[in-house]
Amino acid sequence: MKIIKSPFIYYFRLENENQILKNRIGQLEMREQEYTELKLENRRLSTIVSIKETSPHFIAAASVISSGIRQWPELIIIDKKGTSSGIKKDMAVRIPEGLVGKTSEVMPGFSKVLLVTDVNFSVSVRLQDTRIEGILSGRGDGSCILKYIPRDEDIKPGALLITSGLDGLFPKGIPVGYITGVKKGSELFLDIEVKPIIKASMIEEVMVFKK
C-alpha cells in the first residue's frame, strides 16, 4: 500500500506548493501595481506643487469625481473644492499639461467645470510660434475650432495654441491644443480644427486659478 500511496501523496504536496507559489506571485503582482500607481500619483502631485509654487494665480488643487457626466454640456465635477476654498465662477481650470476649462457652477463643497470642448466655451489664444491671435471654441464633440484667423495667414497643422491672457479670464501661456486641419472658409477667415490637450476621461486632479 505504501508503494501505491506515495506517488499520490507526493503529487498532492506538489499541487499544494504550486498553489502557494501562485498566491505569493499574485500578491507580489498586486503590490507592484499599487507601487506603480502610487509612483504615478506622486509624480502628478509633485508637478502640481511645482506649478503652485511658481504661480501667483493658484487657488486650489482638487480631485475629479465625475468626468463626462453628460454629453451636453461637457462637464466634469471636482470634489471638496468650492466656495469654501475661495473658488468662484469662471475661474480657469488646468492640469500640468494644459487647459481643462473654467468653473461654471460653484457650491460650498464641489464645483462643476465646463470643458474647453463644450460649445459654450471660448478662450483667447495665440499660436506659440507665430504669435497670431484668435478665439478658440469647443465643438461639443471632443474637439475645438480656432476662429477669426484671416485667410491670408500661413497656418500649419501641428502648431501649438496657448492662452494669450487677453480675455482677462485665463492666465497667459497655458497650452490649449494643436492645430489638426486648415481650410479656406469664408471670404475673411480660415476654418481651423484643433485637437485639445486634455482628454476628459483621463483627468484625475486639476488646479484652479483666479482671474
N, C-alpha and C. Protein backbone atom coordinates (compact mmCIF):
# COMPACT_ATOMS: atom_id res chain seq x y z
N MET A 1 0.82 -1.22 0.00
CA MET A 1 0.00 0.00 0.00
C MET A 1 0.86 1.27 0.00
N LYS A 2 2.01 1.18 0.60
CA LYS A 2 2.87 2.35 0.63
C LYS A 2 3.33 2.73 -0.77
N ILE A 3 3.58 1.66 -1.58
CA ILE A 3 4.03 1.91 -2.94
C ILE A 3 2.94 2.62 -3.74
N ILE A 4 1.70 2.34 -3.44
CA ILE A 4 0.57 2.96 -4.14
C ILE A 4 0.32 4.37 -3.64
N LYS A 5 0.39 4.57 -2.33
CA LYS A 5 0.04 5.87 -1.75
C LYS A 5 1.10 6.94 -2.03
N SER A 6 2.35 6.56 -1.98
CA SER A 6 3.42 7.54 -2.05
C SER A 6 3.34 8.48 -3.25
N PRO A 7 3.11 7.96 -4.48
CA PRO A 7 3.02 8.88 -5.63
C PRO A 7 1.89 9.89 -5.50
N PHE A 8 0.75 9.46 -4.92
CA PHE A 8 -0.38 10.37 -4.76
C PHE A 8 -0.08 11.44 -3.72
N ILE A 9 0.54 11.02 -2.62
CA ILE A 9 0.89 11.99 -1.58
C ILE A 9 1.87 13.03 -2.14
N TYR A 10 2.86 12.53 -2.88
CA TYR A 10 3.84 13.43 -3.49
C TYR A 10 3.18 14.41 -4.47
N TYR A 11 2.23 13.90 -5.24
CA TYR A 11 1.51 14.73 -6.22
C TYR A 11 0.72 15.84 -5.52
N PHE A 12 -0.01 15.47 -4.46
CA PHE A 12 -0.82 16.46 -3.76
C PHE A 12 0.04 17.51 -3.06
N ARG A 13 1.21 17.09 -2.57
CA ARG A 13 2.13 18.05 -1.97
C ARG A 13 2.62 19.06 -3.01
N LEU A 14 2.93 18.54 -4.20
CA LEU A 14 3.35 19.43 -5.28
C LEU A 14 2.25 20.42 -5.67
N GLU A 15 1.03 19.93 -5.74
CA GLU A 15 -0.12 20.79 -6.08
C GLU A 15 -0.31 21.87 -5.03
N ASN A 16 -0.16 21.50 -3.76
CA ASN A 16 -0.32 22.45 -2.67
C ASN A 16 0.77 23.52 -2.72
N GLU A 17 2.02 23.06 -2.91
CA GLU A 17 3.12 24.01 -3.00
C GLU A 17 2.98 24.92 -4.21
N ASN A 18 2.50 24.37 -5.32
CA ASN A 18 2.28 25.15 -6.53
C ASN A 18 1.23 26.24 -6.30
N GLN A 19 0.17 25.90 -5.58
CA GLN A 19 -0.89 26.87 -5.30
C GLN A 19 -0.38 27.99 -4.39
N ILE A 20 0.45 27.59 -3.41
CA ILE A 20 1.03 28.58 -2.50
C ILE A 20 1.91 29.57 -3.28
N LEU A 21 2.71 29.04 -4.20
CA LEU A 21 3.57 29.89 -5.02
C LEU A 21 2.76 30.83 -5.90
N LYS A 22 1.66 30.31 -6.47
CA LYS A 22 0.78 31.14 -7.29
C LYS A 22 0.19 32.29 -6.48
N ASN A 23 -0.22 31.99 -5.26
CA ASN A 23 -0.80 33.03 -4.40
C ASN A 23 0.23 34.10 -4.07
N ARG A 24 1.47 33.66 -3.81
CA ARG A 24 2.52 34.62 -3.49
C ARG A 24 2.84 35.50 -4.69
N ILE A 25 2.89 34.87 -5.86
CA ILE A 25 3.16 35.65 -7.08
C ILE A 25 2.05 36.67 -7.31
N GLY A 26 0.79 36.24 -7.09
CA GLY A 26 -0.33 37.17 -7.24
C GLY A 26 -0.24 38.35 -6.29
N GLN A 27 0.18 38.08 -5.04
CA GLN A 27 0.33 39.15 -4.05
C GLN A 27 1.44 40.12 -4.46
N LEU A 28 2.54 39.56 -4.97
CA LEU A 28 3.65 40.41 -5.42
C LEU A 28 3.25 41.28 -6.61
N GLU A 29 2.46 40.72 -7.53
CA GLU A 29 2.00 41.49 -8.69
C GLU A 29 1.08 42.62 -8.26
N MET A 30 0.20 42.34 -7.27
CA MET A 30 -0.69 43.38 -6.76
C MET A 30 0.10 44.50 -6.09
N ARG A 31 1.13 44.13 -5.32
CA ARG A 31 1.96 45.14 -4.67
C ARG A 31 2.70 45.99 -5.70
N GLU A 32 3.17 45.34 -6.76
CA GLU A 32 3.87 46.07 -7.81
C GLU A 32 2.94 47.06 -8.51
N GLN A 33 1.69 46.63 -8.77
CA GLN A 33 0.71 47.52 -9.39
C GLN A 33 0.39 48.71 -8.48
N GLU A 34 0.24 48.43 -7.18
CA GLU A 34 -0.04 49.51 -6.22
C GLU A 34 1.13 50.49 -6.16
N TYR A 35 2.35 49.95 -6.18
CA TYR A 35 3.54 50.80 -6.15
C TYR A 35 3.61 51.68 -7.39
N THR A 36 3.33 51.09 -8.55
CA THR A 36 3.35 51.85 -9.80
C THR A 36 2.32 52.96 -9.77
N GLU A 37 1.12 52.66 -9.27
CA GLU A 37 0.06 53.67 -9.20
C GLU A 37 0.45 54.80 -8.26
N LEU A 38 1.03 54.44 -7.10
CA LEU A 38 1.47 55.46 -6.15
C LEU A 38 2.58 56.32 -6.74
N LYS A 39 3.48 55.71 -7.49
CA LYS A 39 4.57 56.45 -8.11
C LYS A 39 4.04 57.45 -9.14
N LEU A 40 3.05 57.02 -9.95
CA LEU A 40 2.46 57.92 -10.94
C LEU A 40 1.69 59.05 -10.26
N GLU A 41 0.96 58.72 -9.19
CA GLU A 41 0.22 59.75 -8.47
C GLU A 41 1.18 60.76 -7.85
N ASN A 42 2.27 60.27 -7.28
CA ASN A 42 3.27 61.15 -6.67
C ASN A 42 3.89 62.08 -7.70
N ARG A 43 4.11 61.55 -8.91
CA ARG A 43 4.67 62.36 -9.99
C ARG A 43 3.70 63.48 -10.38
N ARG A 44 2.40 63.12 -10.49
CA ARG A 44 1.40 64.14 -10.85
C ARG A 44 1.31 65.22 -9.77
N LEU A 45 1.26 64.79 -8.51
CA LEU A 45 1.12 65.74 -7.42
C LEU A 45 2.36 66.63 -7.26
N SER A 46 3.53 66.06 -7.53
CA SER A 46 4.76 66.85 -7.46
C SER A 46 4.75 67.96 -8.51
N THR A 47 4.24 67.65 -9.69
CA THR A 47 4.13 68.66 -10.75
C THR A 47 3.16 69.75 -10.36
N ILE A 48 2.05 69.36 -9.73
CA ILE A 48 1.05 70.34 -9.28
C ILE A 48 1.67 71.27 -8.23
N VAL A 49 2.40 70.70 -7.29
CA VAL A 49 3.06 71.51 -6.26
C VAL A 49 4.04 72.49 -6.88
N SER A 50 4.77 72.03 -7.89
CA SER A 50 5.74 72.90 -8.57
C SER A 50 5.05 74.09 -9.23
N ILE A 51 3.91 73.81 -9.90
CA ILE A 51 3.16 74.89 -10.54
C ILE A 51 2.58 75.84 -9.50
N LYS A 52 2.08 75.28 -8.40
CA LYS A 52 1.52 76.10 -7.32
C LYS A 52 2.56 77.09 -6.78
N GLU A 53 3.77 76.63 -6.61
CA GLU A 53 4.82 77.46 -6.01
C GLU A 53 5.28 78.58 -6.95
N THR A 54 5.04 78.43 -8.24
CA THR A 54 5.52 79.42 -9.20
C THR A 54 4.40 80.29 -9.79
N SER A 55 3.15 80.03 -9.42
CA SER A 55 2.04 80.80 -9.98
C SER A 55 1.32 81.61 -8.91
N PRO A 56 1.27 82.93 -9.07
CA PRO A 56 0.56 83.77 -8.10
C PRO A 56 -0.95 83.66 -8.22
N HIS A 57 -1.44 83.05 -9.32
CA HIS A 57 -2.88 82.95 -9.53
C HIS A 57 -3.49 81.67 -8.96
N PHE A 58 -2.66 80.79 -8.42
CA PHE A 58 -3.14 79.49 -7.94
C PHE A 58 -4.13 79.66 -6.78
N ILE A 59 -5.25 78.93 -6.85
CA ILE A 59 -6.24 78.95 -5.78
C ILE A 59 -6.30 77.62 -5.05
N ALA A 60 -6.47 76.52 -5.79
CA ALA A 60 -6.63 75.22 -5.14
C ALA A 60 -6.37 74.09 -6.11
N ALA A 61 -6.03 72.92 -5.56
CA ALA A 61 -5.96 71.68 -6.34
C ALA A 61 -7.12 70.81 -5.90
N ALA A 62 -7.65 70.02 -6.82
CA ALA A 62 -8.84 69.22 -6.50
C ALA A 62 -8.84 67.93 -7.28
N SER A 63 -9.55 66.94 -6.75
CA SER A 63 -9.71 65.65 -7.42
C SER A 63 -10.98 65.65 -8.24
N VAL A 64 -10.93 64.98 -9.38
CA VAL A 64 -12.11 64.84 -10.24
C VAL A 64 -12.91 63.63 -9.75
N ILE A 65 -14.19 63.83 -9.46
CA ILE A 65 -15.03 62.72 -9.00
C ILE A 65 -16.00 62.26 -10.07
N SER A 66 -16.13 63.03 -11.14
CA SER A 66 -17.01 62.63 -12.23
C SER A 66 -16.54 63.30 -13.51
N SER A 67 -16.33 62.50 -14.55
CA SER A 67 -15.92 63.05 -15.84
C SER A 67 -16.87 62.55 -16.91
N GLY A 68 -17.24 63.43 -17.82
CA GLY A 68 -18.17 63.05 -18.87
C GLY A 68 -19.53 62.67 -18.32
N ILE A 69 -20.02 63.45 -17.32
CA ILE A 69 -21.29 63.09 -16.68
C ILE A 69 -22.46 63.19 -17.65
N ARG A 70 -22.29 63.97 -18.68
CA ARG A 70 -23.29 64.01 -19.74
C ARG A 70 -22.66 64.64 -20.97
N GLN A 71 -23.23 64.34 -22.09
CA GLN A 71 -22.64 64.80 -23.34
C GLN A 71 -22.85 66.29 -23.56
N TRP A 72 -23.94 66.82 -23.01
CA TRP A 72 -24.26 68.23 -23.26
C TRP A 72 -24.83 68.87 -22.02
N PRO A 73 -24.22 69.90 -21.42
CA PRO A 73 -22.88 70.38 -21.79
C PRO A 73 -21.79 69.42 -21.33
N GLU A 74 -20.57 69.65 -21.82
CA GLU A 74 -19.45 68.79 -21.46
C GLU A 74 -18.84 69.30 -20.15
N LEU A 75 -18.99 68.49 -19.10
CA LEU A 75 -18.61 68.90 -17.76
C LEU A 75 -17.80 67.83 -17.04
N ILE A 76 -17.03 68.27 -16.04
CA ILE A 76 -16.51 67.37 -15.02
C ILE A 76 -16.83 67.99 -13.67
N ILE A 77 -16.79 67.19 -12.60
CA ILE A 77 -17.05 67.69 -11.25
C ILE A 77 -15.81 67.47 -10.40
N ILE A 78 -15.42 68.51 -9.67
CA ILE A 78 -14.28 68.39 -8.75
C ILE A 78 -14.80 68.41 -7.32
N ASP A 79 -14.19 67.57 -6.48
CA ASP A 79 -14.69 67.31 -5.13
C ASP A 79 -13.97 68.13 -4.06
N LYS A 80 -14.73 68.48 -3.01
CA LYS A 80 -14.20 69.11 -1.80
C LYS A 80 -13.57 70.48 -2.04
N LYS A 81 -13.82 71.04 -3.21
CA LYS A 81 -13.30 72.37 -3.51
C LYS A 81 -14.41 73.20 -4.13
N GLY A 82 -14.83 74.23 -3.39
CA GLY A 82 -15.89 75.10 -3.88
C GLY A 82 -15.73 76.48 -3.29
N THR A 83 -16.84 77.12 -2.98
CA THR A 83 -16.78 78.47 -2.42
C THR A 83 -16.01 78.50 -1.10
N SER A 84 -16.06 77.40 -0.35
CA SER A 84 -15.35 77.33 0.93
C SER A 84 -13.84 77.37 0.75
N SER A 85 -13.36 77.08 -0.46
CA SER A 85 -11.93 77.11 -0.75
C SER A 85 -11.52 78.35 -1.55
N GLY A 86 -12.46 79.28 -1.71
CA GLY A 86 -12.16 80.51 -2.43
C GLY A 86 -12.40 80.43 -3.92
N ILE A 87 -12.98 79.33 -4.39
CA ILE A 87 -13.26 79.18 -5.81
C ILE A 87 -14.54 79.92 -6.18
N LYS A 88 -14.51 80.59 -7.32
CA LYS A 88 -15.66 81.33 -7.82
C LYS A 88 -15.98 80.89 -9.25
N LYS A 89 -17.10 81.33 -9.75
CA LYS A 89 -17.48 81.00 -11.12
C LYS A 89 -16.51 81.67 -12.11
N ASP A 90 -16.29 81.00 -13.23
CA ASP A 90 -15.44 81.49 -14.32
C ASP A 90 -13.97 81.59 -13.95
N MET A 91 -13.51 80.71 -13.07
CA MET A 91 -12.08 80.62 -12.80
C MET A 91 -11.46 79.56 -13.72
N ALA A 92 -10.21 79.78 -14.12
CA ALA A 92 -9.52 78.86 -15.03
C ALA A 92 -9.19 77.56 -14.32
N VAL A 93 -9.34 76.45 -15.05
CA VAL A 93 -9.02 75.12 -14.52
C VAL A 93 -8.04 74.45 -15.49
N ARG A 94 -6.96 73.89 -14.97
CA ARG A 94 -5.95 73.27 -15.83
C ARG A 94 -5.34 72.04 -15.17
N ILE A 95 -4.62 71.28 -15.94
CA ILE A 95 -3.75 70.23 -15.46
C ILE A 95 -2.33 70.63 -15.87
N PRO A 96 -1.29 69.94 -15.40
CA PRO A 96 0.06 70.33 -15.79
C PRO A 96 0.26 70.42 -17.30
N GLU A 97 -0.42 69.54 -18.05
CA GLU A 97 -0.23 69.51 -19.49
C GLU A 97 -0.90 70.67 -20.21
N GLY A 98 -2.01 71.19 -19.67
CA GLY A 98 -2.69 72.27 -20.37
C GLY A 98 -4.06 72.62 -19.80
N LEU A 99 -4.80 73.44 -20.54
CA LEU A 99 -6.08 73.98 -20.09
C LEU A 99 -7.19 72.93 -20.13
N VAL A 100 -7.97 72.88 -19.06
CA VAL A 100 -9.12 71.98 -18.95
C VAL A 100 -10.41 72.71 -19.27
N GLY A 101 -10.58 73.90 -18.69
CA GLY A 101 -11.81 74.67 -18.90
C GLY A 101 -11.94 75.76 -17.85
N LYS A 102 -13.18 75.99 -17.41
CA LYS A 102 -13.42 77.00 -16.38
C LYS A 102 -14.57 76.54 -15.49
N THR A 103 -14.58 77.04 -14.25
CA THR A 103 -15.66 76.70 -13.34
C THR A 103 -16.96 77.33 -13.84
N SER A 104 -18.00 76.52 -13.89
CA SER A 104 -19.28 77.02 -14.39
C SER A 104 -20.35 77.09 -13.30
N GLU A 105 -20.20 76.30 -12.26
CA GLU A 105 -21.13 76.30 -11.14
C GLU A 105 -20.36 75.91 -9.89
N VAL A 106 -20.45 76.74 -8.84
CA VAL A 106 -19.63 76.52 -7.64
C VAL A 106 -20.52 76.41 -6.41
N MET A 107 -20.40 75.31 -5.70
CA MET A 107 -21.10 75.06 -4.45
C MET A 107 -20.08 75.10 -3.31
N PRO A 108 -20.54 75.07 -2.05
CA PRO A 108 -19.58 75.10 -0.94
C PRO A 108 -18.57 73.96 -0.97
N GLY A 109 -19.02 72.74 -1.37
CA GLY A 109 -18.13 71.59 -1.29
C GLY A 109 -17.71 70.97 -2.60
N PHE A 110 -18.18 71.49 -3.72
CA PHE A 110 -17.75 70.95 -5.01
C PHE A 110 -18.01 71.99 -6.09
N SER A 111 -17.42 71.75 -7.26
CA SER A 111 -17.60 72.68 -8.38
C SER A 111 -17.75 71.91 -9.68
N LYS A 112 -18.51 72.48 -10.61
CA LYS A 112 -18.62 71.94 -11.96
C LYS A 112 -17.70 72.73 -12.87
N VAL A 113 -17.06 72.01 -13.78
CA VAL A 113 -16.09 72.63 -14.70
C VAL A 113 -16.56 72.41 -16.13
N LEU A 114 -16.75 73.52 -16.85
CA LEU A 114 -17.10 73.46 -18.27
C LEU A 114 -15.82 73.25 -19.07
N LEU A 115 -15.80 72.20 -19.88
CA LEU A 115 -14.59 71.83 -20.61
C LEU A 115 -14.37 72.69 -21.85
N VAL A 116 -13.13 72.76 -22.29
CA VAL A 116 -12.78 73.53 -23.48
C VAL A 116 -13.50 73.02 -24.72
N THR A 117 -13.95 71.77 -24.69
CA THR A 117 -14.61 71.17 -25.85
C THR A 117 -16.10 71.47 -25.93
N ASP A 118 -16.67 72.14 -24.93
CA ASP A 118 -18.09 72.47 -24.95
C ASP A 118 -18.36 73.66 -25.87
N VAL A 119 -19.52 73.65 -26.52
CA VAL A 119 -19.85 74.71 -27.49
C VAL A 119 -20.01 76.08 -26.83
N ASN A 120 -20.23 76.11 -25.53
CA ASN A 120 -20.40 77.37 -24.84
C ASN A 120 -19.09 77.91 -24.27
N PHE A 121 -18.00 77.22 -24.56
CA PHE A 121 -16.70 77.64 -24.03
C PHE A 121 -15.91 78.39 -25.10
N SER A 122 -15.20 79.42 -24.67
CA SER A 122 -14.29 80.13 -25.57
C SER A 122 -13.15 80.73 -24.76
N VAL A 123 -11.99 80.89 -25.42
CA VAL A 123 -10.82 81.42 -24.75
C VAL A 123 -9.95 82.13 -25.80
N SER A 124 -9.35 83.23 -25.39
CA SER A 124 -8.45 83.96 -26.27
C SER A 124 -7.11 83.23 -26.30
N VAL A 125 -6.64 82.92 -27.52
CA VAL A 125 -5.39 82.15 -27.67
C VAL A 125 -4.47 82.80 -28.70
N ARG A 126 -3.24 82.29 -28.74
CA ARG A 126 -2.30 82.68 -29.80
C ARG A 126 -1.46 81.47 -30.17
N LEU A 127 -0.97 81.46 -31.40
CA LEU A 127 -0.05 80.42 -31.82
C LEU A 127 1.29 80.69 -31.16
N GLN A 128 1.86 79.67 -30.56
CA GLN A 128 3.09 79.86 -29.82
C GLN A 128 4.25 80.31 -30.70
N ASP A 129 4.29 79.81 -31.92
CA ASP A 129 5.44 80.14 -32.77
C ASP A 129 5.28 81.48 -33.49
N THR A 130 4.13 81.74 -34.08
CA THR A 130 3.96 82.97 -34.87
C THR A 130 3.30 84.11 -34.10
N ARG A 131 2.71 83.80 -32.94
CA ARG A 131 2.04 84.80 -32.08
C ARG A 131 0.74 85.33 -32.69
N ILE A 132 0.24 84.69 -33.73
CA ILE A 132 -1.05 85.07 -34.30
C ILE A 132 -2.16 84.78 -33.28
N GLU A 133 -3.09 85.71 -33.12
CA GLU A 133 -4.12 85.58 -32.10
C GLU A 133 -5.49 85.27 -32.69
N GLY A 134 -6.28 84.54 -31.90
CA GLY A 134 -7.63 84.20 -32.31
C GLY A 134 -8.44 83.76 -31.10
N ILE A 135 -9.63 83.23 -31.36
CA ILE A 135 -10.52 82.74 -30.31
C ILE A 135 -10.76 81.25 -30.52
N LEU A 136 -10.52 80.46 -29.48
CA LEU A 136 -10.77 79.03 -29.56
C LEU A 136 -12.10 78.71 -28.89
N SER A 137 -12.93 77.90 -29.57
CA SER A 137 -14.23 77.49 -29.04
C SER A 137 -14.38 75.98 -29.16
N GLY A 138 -15.19 75.41 -28.27
CA GLY A 138 -15.47 73.99 -28.33
C GLY A 138 -16.51 73.67 -29.40
N ARG A 139 -16.50 72.43 -29.87
CA ARG A 139 -17.46 71.99 -30.89
C ARG A 139 -18.50 71.04 -30.32
N GLY A 140 -18.31 70.60 -29.08
CA GLY A 140 -19.27 69.69 -28.47
C GLY A 140 -19.06 68.24 -28.84
N ASP A 141 -17.98 67.94 -29.56
CA ASP A 141 -17.71 66.56 -29.97
C ASP A 141 -16.31 66.11 -29.57
N GLY A 142 -15.74 66.77 -28.58
CA GLY A 142 -14.40 66.42 -28.14
C GLY A 142 -13.29 67.18 -28.84
N SER A 143 -13.65 68.06 -29.78
CA SER A 143 -12.66 68.85 -30.50
C SER A 143 -12.99 70.34 -30.39
N CYS A 144 -12.14 71.17 -30.99
CA CYS A 144 -12.32 72.63 -30.93
C CYS A 144 -12.07 73.25 -32.29
N ILE A 145 -12.42 74.53 -32.41
CA ILE A 145 -12.14 75.28 -33.63
C ILE A 145 -11.47 76.60 -33.24
N LEU A 146 -10.60 77.08 -34.12
CA LEU A 146 -9.94 78.37 -33.93
C LEU A 146 -10.59 79.36 -34.88
N LYS A 147 -11.11 80.46 -34.31
CA LYS A 147 -11.87 81.44 -35.08
C LYS A 147 -11.08 82.73 -35.32
N TYR A 148 -11.54 83.44 -36.36
CA TYR A 148 -11.11 84.80 -36.66
C TYR A 148 -9.64 84.91 -37.07
N ILE A 149 -9.15 83.88 -37.77
CA ILE A 149 -7.80 83.95 -38.35
C ILE A 149 -7.95 84.31 -39.83
N PRO A 150 -7.41 85.44 -40.29
CA PRO A 150 -7.56 85.87 -41.69
C PRO A 150 -7.10 84.82 -42.69
N ARG A 151 -7.75 84.79 -43.85
CA ARG A 151 -7.47 83.80 -44.89
C ARG A 151 -6.03 83.86 -45.41
N ASP A 152 -5.41 85.01 -45.32
CA ASP A 152 -4.07 85.13 -45.88
C ASP A 152 -2.95 84.71 -44.91
N GLU A 153 -3.31 84.28 -43.70
CA GLU A 153 -2.30 83.83 -42.75
C GLU A 153 -1.83 82.41 -43.12
N ASP A 154 -0.55 82.15 -42.89
CA ASP A 154 0.03 80.84 -43.18
C ASP A 154 0.02 80.01 -41.89
N ILE A 155 -1.01 79.18 -41.73
CA ILE A 155 -1.17 78.37 -40.52
C ILE A 155 -0.86 76.91 -40.85
N LYS A 156 0.03 76.30 -40.06
CA LYS A 156 0.46 74.94 -40.32
C LYS A 156 -0.14 73.97 -39.29
N PRO A 157 -0.60 72.79 -39.73
CA PRO A 157 -1.03 71.74 -38.78
C PRO A 157 0.13 71.37 -37.86
N GLY A 158 -0.21 71.09 -36.62
CA GLY A 158 0.81 70.74 -35.63
C GLY A 158 1.21 71.89 -34.75
N ALA A 159 0.84 73.12 -35.13
CA ALA A 159 1.21 74.30 -34.33
C ALA A 159 0.48 74.26 -32.98
N LEU A 160 1.18 74.69 -31.94
CA LEU A 160 0.63 74.70 -30.59
C LEU A 160 -0.07 76.02 -30.29
N LEU A 161 -1.26 75.93 -29.69
CA LEU A 161 -2.00 77.11 -29.24
C LEU A 161 -1.86 77.24 -27.73
N ILE A 162 -1.64 78.47 -27.26
CA ILE A 162 -1.56 78.75 -25.84
C ILE A 162 -2.49 79.91 -25.51
N THR A 163 -2.88 80.02 -24.24
CA THR A 163 -3.73 81.14 -23.83
C THR A 163 -2.95 82.44 -23.96
N SER A 164 -3.64 83.48 -24.42
CA SER A 164 -2.99 84.78 -24.60
C SER A 164 -3.11 85.67 -23.37
N GLY A 165 -4.13 85.40 -22.53
CA GLY A 165 -4.37 86.24 -21.36
C GLY A 165 -5.13 87.50 -21.67
N LEU A 166 -5.47 87.73 -22.93
CA LEU A 166 -6.13 88.98 -23.32
C LEU A 166 -7.60 89.04 -22.92
N ASP A 167 -8.19 87.88 -22.61
CA ASP A 167 -9.59 87.89 -22.20
C ASP A 167 -9.77 88.23 -20.73
N GLY A 168 -8.67 88.34 -19.99
CA GLY A 168 -8.76 88.69 -18.58
C GLY A 168 -9.30 87.58 -17.71
N LEU A 169 -9.46 86.40 -18.26
CA LEU A 169 -10.03 85.28 -17.52
C LEU A 169 -9.01 84.18 -17.27
N PHE A 170 -8.21 83.87 -18.30
CA PHE A 170 -7.24 82.79 -18.21
C PHE A 170 -5.82 83.34 -18.17
N PRO A 171 -4.98 82.85 -17.24
CA PRO A 171 -3.58 83.26 -17.24
C PRO A 171 -2.93 82.93 -18.58
N LYS A 172 -2.02 83.74 -19.04
CA LYS A 172 -1.41 83.51 -20.35
C LYS A 172 -0.38 82.39 -20.31
N GLY A 173 -0.18 81.78 -21.47
CA GLY A 173 0.87 80.79 -21.61
C GLY A 173 0.49 79.35 -21.34
N ILE A 174 -0.81 79.08 -21.08
CA ILE A 174 -1.24 77.70 -20.82
C ILE A 174 -1.48 76.99 -22.15
N PRO A 175 -0.87 75.84 -22.39
CA PRO A 175 -1.15 75.10 -23.63
C PRO A 175 -2.63 74.72 -23.72
N VAL A 176 -3.19 74.84 -24.91
CA VAL A 176 -4.62 74.57 -25.10
C VAL A 176 -4.84 73.41 -26.08
N GLY A 177 -4.14 73.42 -27.21
CA GLY A 177 -4.36 72.38 -28.20
C GLY A 177 -3.45 72.53 -29.39
N TYR A 178 -3.55 71.55 -30.30
CA TYR A 178 -2.74 71.55 -31.52
C TYR A 178 -3.63 71.66 -32.75
N ILE A 179 -3.20 72.43 -33.71
CA ILE A 179 -3.94 72.56 -34.97
C ILE A 179 -3.83 71.25 -35.76
N THR A 180 -4.99 70.74 -36.18
CA THR A 180 -5.00 69.47 -36.92
C THR A 180 -5.46 69.64 -38.36
N GLY A 181 -6.13 70.74 -38.69
CA GLY A 181 -6.59 70.94 -40.06
C GLY A 181 -6.85 72.39 -40.36
N VAL A 182 -6.53 72.81 -41.59
CA VAL A 182 -6.74 74.20 -42.02
C VAL A 182 -7.40 74.20 -43.40
N LYS A 183 -8.53 74.92 -43.51
CA LYS A 183 -9.24 75.03 -44.78
C LYS A 183 -9.61 76.49 -45.04
N LYS A 184 -9.77 76.82 -46.31
CA LYS A 184 -10.27 78.14 -46.67
C LYS A 184 -11.75 78.19 -46.33
N GLY A 185 -12.13 79.10 -45.46
CA GLY A 185 -13.51 79.17 -45.03
C GLY A 185 -14.29 80.25 -45.74
N SER A 186 -14.72 81.24 -44.99
CA SER A 186 -15.48 82.35 -45.56
C SER A 186 -14.53 83.26 -46.34
N GLU A 187 -15.06 84.37 -46.80
CA GLU A 187 -14.23 85.32 -47.55
C GLU A 187 -13.17 85.97 -46.66
N LEU A 188 -13.39 85.93 -45.37
CA LEU A 188 -12.49 86.64 -44.46
C LEU A 188 -11.58 85.72 -43.65
N PHE A 189 -12.10 84.55 -43.19
CA PHE A 189 -11.37 83.75 -42.21
C PHE A 189 -11.15 82.31 -42.66
N LEU A 190 -10.16 81.69 -42.04
CA LEU A 190 -9.87 80.28 -42.25
C LEU A 190 -10.75 79.40 -41.35
N ASP A 191 -11.01 78.18 -41.78
CA ASP A 191 -11.62 77.17 -40.92
C ASP A 191 -10.50 76.31 -40.36
N ILE A 192 -10.31 76.38 -39.04
CA ILE A 192 -9.17 75.71 -38.41
C ILE A 192 -9.65 74.75 -37.33
N GLU A 193 -9.31 73.48 -37.47
CA GLU A 193 -9.67 72.47 -36.48
C GLU A 193 -8.53 72.31 -35.47
N VAL A 194 -8.92 72.07 -34.22
CA VAL A 194 -7.93 71.97 -33.13
C VAL A 194 -8.21 70.74 -32.27
N LYS A 195 -7.17 70.01 -31.96
CA LYS A 195 -7.26 68.90 -31.01
C LYS A 195 -6.82 69.40 -29.65
N PRO A 196 -7.72 69.38 -28.65
CA PRO A 196 -7.35 69.91 -27.32
C PRO A 196 -6.29 69.07 -26.63
N ILE A 197 -5.57 69.69 -25.74
CA ILE A 197 -4.56 68.99 -24.94
C ILE A 197 -5.21 67.93 -24.07
N ILE A 198 -6.36 68.25 -23.50
CA ILE A 198 -6.97 67.39 -22.49
C ILE A 198 -7.83 66.29 -23.10
N LYS A 199 -7.99 65.22 -22.33
CA LYS A 199 -8.97 64.18 -22.61
C LYS A 199 -9.71 63.94 -21.31
N ALA A 200 -10.99 64.31 -21.27
CA ALA A 200 -11.75 64.37 -20.03
C ALA A 200 -11.70 63.08 -19.23
N SER A 201 -11.78 61.95 -19.90
CA SER A 201 -11.85 60.67 -19.18
C SER A 201 -10.55 60.30 -18.48
N MET A 202 -9.46 61.02 -18.78
CA MET A 202 -8.16 60.68 -18.20
C MET A 202 -7.71 61.68 -17.13
N ILE A 203 -8.56 62.67 -16.82
CA ILE A 203 -8.19 63.69 -15.84
C ILE A 203 -8.51 63.20 -14.43
N GLU A 204 -7.54 63.24 -13.53
CA GLU A 204 -7.75 62.80 -12.15
C GLU A 204 -7.64 63.94 -11.15
N GLU A 205 -6.69 64.84 -11.34
CA GLU A 205 -6.54 66.01 -10.49
C GLU A 205 -6.44 67.26 -11.36
N VAL A 206 -6.97 68.37 -10.85
CA VAL A 206 -6.90 69.64 -11.58
C VAL A 206 -6.45 70.75 -10.63
N MET A 207 -6.10 71.89 -11.23
CA MET A 207 -5.75 73.09 -10.47
C MET A 207 -6.67 74.22 -10.90
N VAL A 208 -7.06 75.04 -9.94
CA VAL A 208 -7.94 76.17 -10.20
C VAL A 208 -7.17 77.46 -9.99
N PHE A 209 -7.35 78.42 -10.94
CA PHE A 209 -6.61 79.68 -10.89
C PHE A 209 -7.59 80.86 -10.97
N LYS A 210 -7.27 81.90 -10.21
CA LYS A 210 -8.09 83.10 -10.25
C LYS A 210 -7.79 83.91 -11.51
N LYS A 211 -8.67 84.88 -11.78
CA LYS A 211 -8.51 85.72 -12.97
C LYS A 211 -7.25 86.56 -12.86
